[in-house]
C-alpha atoms as a PDB file:
ATOM      1  CA  UNK A   1       0.000   0.000   0.000  1.00  0.00           C
ATOM      2  CA  UNK A   2       1.484   3.346  -0.937  1.00  0.00           C
ATOM      3  CA  UNK A   3       1.025   6.702   0.728  1.00  0.00           C
ATOM      4  CA  UNK A   4      -1.667   7.762  -1.748  1.00  0.00           C
ATOM      5  CA  UNK A   5      -4.016   5.036  -0.550  1.00  0.00           C
ATOM      6  CA  UNK A   6      -3.444   6.087   3.056  1.00  0.00           C
ATOM      7  CA  UNK A   7      -4.346   9.681   2.176  1.00  0.00           C
ATOM      8  CA  UNK A   8      -7.464   8.526   0.335  1.00  0.00           C
ATOM      9  CA  UNK A   9      -8.526   6.360   3.285  1.00  0.00           C
ATOM     10  CA  UNK A  10      -8.127   9.133   5.865  1.00  0.00           C
ATOM     11  CA  UNK A  11      -9.690  11.663   3.511  1.00  0.00           C
ATOM     12  CA  UNK A  12     -12.777   9.481   3.183  1.00  0.00           C
ATOM     13  CA  UNK A  13     -12.931   9.075   6.961  1.00  0.00           C
ATOM     14  CA  UNK A  14     -12.735  12.843   7.364  1.00  0.00           C
ATOM     15  CA  UNK A  15     -15.480  13.443   4.790  1.00  0.00           C
ATOM     16  CA  UNK A  16     -17.729  10.843   6.436  1.00  0.00           C
ATOM     17  CA  UNK A  17     -17.012  12.336   9.846  1.00  0.00           C
ATOM     18  CA  UNK A  18     -18.124  15.743   8.666  1.00  0.00           C
ATOM     19  CA  UNK A  19     -21.175  14.405   6.815  1.00  0.00           C
ATOM     20  CA  UNK A  20     -22.629  12.142   9.538  1.00  0.00           C
ATOM     21  CA  UNK A  21     -23.997  14.906  11.816  1.00  0.00           C
ATOM     22  CA  UNK A  22     -25.607  16.485   8.754  1.00  0.00           C
ATOM     23  CA  UNK A  23     -27.198  13.187   7.757  1.00  0.00           C
ATOM     24  CA  UNK A  24     -28.610  12.616  11.242  1.00  0.00           C
ATOM     25  CA  UNK A  25     -29.959  16.169  11.383  1.00  0.00           C
ATOM     26  CA  UNK A  26     -31.498  15.723   7.922  1.00  0.00           C
ATOM     27  CA  UNK A  27     -33.290  12.554   9.056  1.00  0.00           C
ATOM     28  CA  UNK A  28     -34.652  14.446  12.073  1.00  0.00           C
ATOM     29  CA  UNK A  29     -35.941  17.254   9.843  1.00  0.00           C
ATOM     30  CA  UNK A  30     -37.298  15.014   7.061  1.00  0.00           C
ATOM     31  CA  UNK A  31     -38.801  12.217   9.194  1.00  0.00           C
ATOM     32  CA  UNK A  32     -39.652  13.886  12.522  1.00  0.00           C
ATOM     33  CA  UNK A  33     -42.243  11.351  13.683  1.00  0.00           C
ATOM     34  CA  UNK A  34     -40.098   8.330  12.783  1.00  0.00           C
ATOM     35  CA  UNK A  35     -37.050   9.788  14.520  1.00  0.00           C
ATOM     36  CA  UNK A  36     -39.214  10.682  17.539  1.00  0.00           C
ATOM     37  CA  UNK A  37     -40.505   7.100  17.721  1.00  0.00           C
ATOM     38  CA  UNK A  38     -36.944   5.746  17.507  1.00  0.00           C
ATOM     39  CA  UNK A  39     -35.957   8.216  20.233  1.00  0.00           C
ATOM     40  CA  UNK A  40     -38.826   7.007  22.413  1.00  0.00           C
ATOM     41  CA  UNK A  41     -37.964   3.357  21.796  1.00  0.00           C
ATOM     42  CA  UNK A  42     -34.289   3.857  22.628  1.00  0.00           C
ATOM     43  CA  UNK A  43     -35.182   5.788  25.763  1.00  0.00           C
ATOM     44  CA  UNK A  44     -37.768   3.358  27.116  1.00  0.00           C
ATOM     45  CA  UNK A  45     -36.713  -0.061  25.785  1.00  0.00           C
ATOM     46  CA  UNK A  46     -33.038  -0.032  24.764  1.00  0.00           C
ATOM     47  CA  UNK A  47     -32.577  -3.742  25.487  1.00  0.00           C
ATOM     48  CA  UNK A  48     -35.444  -4.729  23.228  1.00  0.00           C
ATOM     49  CA  UNK A  49     -34.067  -2.492  20.471  1.00  0.00           C
ATOM     50  CA  UNK A  50     -30.699  -4.220  20.775  1.00  0.00           C
ATOM     51  CA  UNK A  51     -32.259  -7.686  20.741  1.00  0.00           C
ATOM     52  CA  UNK A  52     -34.545  -6.854  17.815  1.00  0.00           C
ATOM     53  CA  UNK A  53     -31.611  -5.396  15.885  1.00  0.00           C
ATOM     54  CA  UNK A  54     -29.625  -8.582  16.514  1.00  0.00           C
ATOM     55  CA  UNK A  55     -32.558 -10.746  15.420  1.00  0.00           C
ATOM     56  CA  UNK A  56     -32.837  -8.692  12.222  1.00  0.00           C
ATOM     57  CA  UNK A  57     -29.126  -8.608  11.485  1.00  0.00           C
ATOM     58  CA  UNK A  58     -28.266 -12.296  11.765  1.00  0.00           C
ATOM     59  CA  UNK A  59     -30.637 -13.595   9.066  1.00  0.00           C
ATOM     60  CA  UNK A  60     -30.081 -10.473   6.966  1.00  0.00           C
ATOM     61  CA  UNK A  61     -26.320 -11.067   6.920  1.00  0.00           C
ATOM     62  CA  UNK A  62     -26.835 -14.649   5.773  1.00  0.00           C
ATOM     63  CA  UNK A  63     -29.226 -13.623   2.995  1.00  0.00           C
ATOM     64  CA  UNK A  64     -27.053 -10.683   1.962  1.00  0.00           C
ATOM     65  CA  UNK A  65     -23.943 -12.857   1.979  1.00  0.00           C
ATOM     66  CA  UNK A  66     -25.610 -15.323  -0.380  1.00  0.00           C
ATOM     67  CA  UNK A  67     -26.944 -12.557  -2.641  1.00  0.00           C
ATOM     68  CA  UNK A  68     -23.580 -10.810  -2.819  1.00  0.00           C
ATOM     69  CA  UNK A  69     -21.879 -14.096  -3.781  1.00  0.00           C
ATOM     70  CA  UNK A  70     -24.236 -14.630  -6.721  1.00  0.00           C
ATOM     71  CA  UNK A  71     -23.625 -12.886 -10.036  1.00  0.00           C
ATOM     72  CA  UNK A  72     -25.760 -10.380 -11.851  1.00  0.00           C
ATOM     73  CA  UNK A  73     -28.993  -8.978 -10.544  1.00  0.00           C
ATOM     74  CA  UNK A  74     -28.725 -10.964  -7.298  1.00  0.00           C
ATOM     75  CA  UNK A  75     -25.557  -9.110  -6.395  1.00  0.00           C
ATOM     76  CA  UNK A  76     -27.360  -5.832  -7.063  1.00  0.00           C
ATOM     77  CA  UNK A  77     -30.168  -6.965  -4.738  1.00  0.00           C
ATOM     78  CA  UNK A  78     -27.563  -7.775  -2.087  1.00  0.00           C
ATOM     79  CA  UNK A  79     -26.057  -4.301  -2.303  1.00  0.00           C
ATOM     80  CA  UNK A  80     -29.536  -2.733  -2.172  1.00  0.00           C
ATOM     81  CA  UNK A  81     -30.358  -4.806   0.911  1.00  0.00           C
ATOM     82  CA  UNK A  82     -27.147  -3.676   2.581  1.00  0.00           C
ATOM     83  CA  UNK A  83     -27.986  -0.082   1.705  1.00  0.00           C
ATOM     84  CA  UNK A  84     -31.443  -0.567   3.225  1.00  0.00           C
ATOM     85  CA  UNK A  85     -29.950  -1.902   6.483  1.00  0.00           C
ATOM     86  CA  UNK A  86     -27.522   1.006   6.752  1.00  0.00           C
ATOM     87  CA  UNK A  87     -30.277   3.494   5.931  1.00  0.00           C
ATOM     88  CA  UNK A  88     -32.507   2.091   8.664  1.00  0.00           C
ATOM     89  CA  UNK A  89     -29.613   2.116  11.133  1.00  0.00           C
ATOM     90  CA  UNK A  90     -28.909   5.768  10.283  1.00  0.00           C
ATOM     91  CA  UNK A  91     -32.543   6.680  10.991  1.00  0.00           C
ATOM     92  CA  UNK A  92     -32.186   4.935  14.346  1.00  0.00           C
ATOM     93  CA  UNK A  93     -28.901   6.776  14.936  1.00  0.00           C
ATOM     94  CA  UNK A  94     -30.810  10.021  14.371  1.00  0.00           C
ATOM     95  CA  UNK A  95     -33.182   8.875  17.109  1.00  0.00           C
ATOM     96  CA  UNK A  96     -30.212   8.186  19.381  1.00  0.00           C
ATOM     97  CA  UNK A  97     -28.676  11.600  18.652  1.00  0.00           C
ATOM     98  CA  UNK A  98     -32.096  13.148  19.311  1.00  0.00           C
ATOM     99  CA  UNK A  99     -32.247  11.312  22.635  1.00  0.00           C
ATOM    100  CA  UNK A 100     -28.791  12.609  23.512  1.00  0.00           C
ATOM    101  CA  UNK A 101     -29.731  16.152  22.463  1.00  0.00           C
ATOM    102  CA  UNK A 102     -32.830  16.065  24.672  1.00  0.00           C
ATOM    103  CA  UNK A 103     -30.469  15.784  27.626  1.00  0.00           C
ATOM    104  CA  UNK A 104     -28.720  19.052  26.705  1.00  0.00           C
ATOM    105  CA  UNK A 105     -31.248  21.542  28.194  1.00  0.00           C
ATOM    106  CA  UNK A 106     -29.732  21.200  31.633  1.00  0.00           C
ATOM    107  CA  UNK A 107     -26.340  22.037  30.110  1.00  0.00           C
ATOM    108  CA  UNK A 108     -27.479  24.642  27.573  1.00  0.00           C
ATOM    109  CA  UNK A 109     -29.752  26.795  29.706  1.00  0.00           C
ATOM    110  CA  UNK A 110     -32.986  25.150  28.537  1.00  0.00           C
ATOM    111  CA  UNK A 111     -32.390  25.525  24.788  1.00  0.00           C
ATOM    112  CA  UNK A 112     -32.628  22.521  22.501  1.00  0.00           C
ATOM    113  CA  UNK A 113     -32.467  22.838  18.748  1.00  0.00           C
ATOM    114  CA  UNK A 114     -30.536  21.764  15.696  1.00  0.00           C
ATOM    115  CA  UNK A 115     -27.271  22.795  17.341  1.00  0.00           C
ATOM    116  CA  UNK A 116     -27.849  20.361  20.188  1.00  0.00           C
ATOM    117  CA  UNK A 117     -28.618  17.614  17.663  1.00  0.00           C
ATOM    118  CA  UNK A 118     -25.376  18.303  15.781  1.00  0.00           C
ATOM    119  CA  UNK A 119     -23.383  18.371  19.044  1.00  0.00           C
ATOM    120  CA  UNK A 120     -24.946  15.056  20.039  1.00  0.00           C
ATOM    121  CA  UNK A 121     -24.137  13.526  16.661  1.00  0.00           C
ATOM    122  CA  UNK A 122     -20.528  14.700  16.952  1.00  0.00           C
ATOM    123  CA  UNK A 123     -20.278  13.298  20.488  1.00  0.00           C
ATOM    124  CA  UNK A 124     -21.689   9.995  19.278  1.00  0.00           C
ATOM    125  CA  UNK A 125     -19.267   9.954  16.369  1.00  0.00           C
ATOM    126  CA  UNK A 126     -16.281  10.729  18.600  1.00  0.00           C
ATOM    127  CA  UNK A 127     -17.279   7.949  20.996  1.00  0.00           C
ATOM    128  CA  UNK A 128     -17.465   5.430  18.171  1.00  0.00           C
ATOM    129  CA  UNK A 129     -14.063   6.294  16.706  1.00  0.00           C
ATOM    130  CA  UNK A 130     -12.333   5.851  20.055  1.00  0.00           C
ATOM    131  CA  UNK A 131      -9.803   3.033  19.560  1.00  0.00           C
ATOM    132  CA  UNK A 132     -10.844  -0.518  20.438  1.00  0.00           C
ATOM    133  CA  UNK A 133     -13.699   0.292  22.867  1.00  0.00           C
ATOM    134  CA  UNK A 134     -15.517   2.431  20.319  1.00  0.00           C
ATOM    135  CA  UNK A 135     -14.687   0.170  17.385  1.00  0.00           C
ATOM    136  CA  UNK A 136     -15.384  -3.244  18.872  1.00  0.00           C
ATOM    137  CA  UNK A 137     -17.873  -2.571  21.676  1.00  0.00           C
ATOM    138  CA  UNK A 138     -19.764   0.656  21.132  1.00  0.00           C
ATOM    139  CA  UNK A 139     -20.121   0.602  17.336  1.00  0.00           C
ATOM    140  CA  UNK A 140     -21.635  -2.909  17.075  1.00  0.00           C
ATOM    141  CA  UNK A 141     -23.943  -2.395  20.063  1.00  0.00           C
ATOM    142  CA  UNK A 142     -25.151   0.995  18.869  1.00  0.00           C
ATOM    143  CA  UNK A 143     -25.597  -0.229  15.304  1.00  0.00           C
ATOM    144  CA  UNK A 144     -27.748  -3.136  16.444  1.00  0.00           C
ATOM    145  CA  UNK A 145     -29.753  -0.976  18.868  1.00  0.00           C
ATOM    146  CA  UNK A 146     -30.347   1.779  16.318  1.00  0.00           C
ATOM    147  CA  UNK A 147     -31.333  -0.732  13.648  1.00  0.00           C
ATOM    148  CA  UNK A 148     -33.839  -2.268  16.060  1.00  0.00           C
ATOM    149  CA  UNK A 149     -35.190   1.129  17.121  1.00  0.00           C
ATOM    150  CA  UNK A 150     -35.528   2.298  13.524  1.00  0.00           C
ATOM    151  CA  UNK A 151     -37.342  -0.886  12.529  1.00  0.00           C
ATOM    152  CA  UNK A 152     -39.722  -0.514  15.463  1.00  0.00           C
ATOM    153  CA  UNK A 153     -40.251   3.139  14.488  1.00  0.00           C
ATOM    154  CA  UNK A 154     -40.776   2.434  10.779  1.00  0.00           C
ATOM    155  CA  UNK A 155     -43.280  -0.300  11.615  1.00  0.00           C
ATOM    156  CA  UNK A 156     -45.040   2.029  14.057  1.00  0.00           C
ATOM    157  CA  UNK A 157     -44.528  -0.298  17.011  1.00  0.00           C
ATOM    158  CA  UNK A 158     -44.290   1.899  20.064  1.00  0.00           C
ATOM    159  CA  UNK A 159     -43.383   0.704  23.520  1.00  0.00           C
ATOM    160  CA  UNK A 160     -46.203  -0.490  25.705  1.00  0.00           C
ATOM    161  CA  UNK A 161     -47.450   2.132  28.121  1.00  0.00           C
ATOM    162  CA  UNK A 162     -46.256   1.404  31.593  1.00  0.00           C
ATOM    163  CA  UNK A 163     -48.711   1.325  34.450  1.00  0.00           C
ATOM    164  CA  UNK A 164     -47.877   3.907  37.053  1.00  0.00           C
ATOM    165  CA  UNK A 165     -47.752   2.312  40.459  1.00  0.00           C
ATOM    166  CA  UNK A 166     -49.928   3.900  43.051  1.00  0.00           C
ATOM    167  CA  UNK A 167     -47.743   5.720  45.517  1.00  0.00           C
ATOM    168  CA  UNK A 168     -48.986   6.094  49.028  1.00  0.00           C
ATOM    169  CA  UNK A 169     -48.314   9.523  50.392  1.00  0.00           C
ATOM    170  CA  UNK A 170     -48.055   9.973  54.118  1.00  0.00           C
ATOM    171  CA  UNK A 171     -48.542  13.422  55.481  1.00  0.00           C
ATOM    172  CA  UNK A 172     -46.879  14.155  58.725  1.00  0.00           C
ATOM    173  CA  UNK A 173     -48.849  16.313  61.061  1.00  0.00           C
ATOM    174  CA  UNK A 174     -46.674  18.607  63.056  1.00  0.00           C
ATOM    175  CA  UNK A 175     -48.095  20.409  66.042  1.00  0.00           C
ATOM    176  CA  UNK A 176     -47.743  24.149  65.783  1.00  0.00           C
END
């Protein structure tokens, strides 16, 4: 490998790093209800999103692996399926960045907007590019969870409403 390939590789990483926050913000602006449902799913049922993403990914990888090994139109279908998986995961990642940005009001004086979404996307991106932990732990877990959340959101499957437990309130009576 010569130095030109190294420059191309790091240039592509830089371009993708700059473009990802814009993509996540665009999903939030173009599909607000879907991103809000993914946000809600990731906030309330992150374990189920992760499990659902894993259950979607395993058979999809087998099918895509077979399609990509076949010639002609089947290979095209494999690439389109892979594009579909990554697109769904990016919609879920927009939900995750939206969830992270909703936690900014306490830090930003009560203001939440596109800037908070971009800051959240950058923070998410920086966490994922952290060597070893980000690459091998955070990236796979977040990809599976965001794919699951996006699929739940695109199908319109919201989390079940939780019953609020009755809380007994005791009032202390103090003599005056």
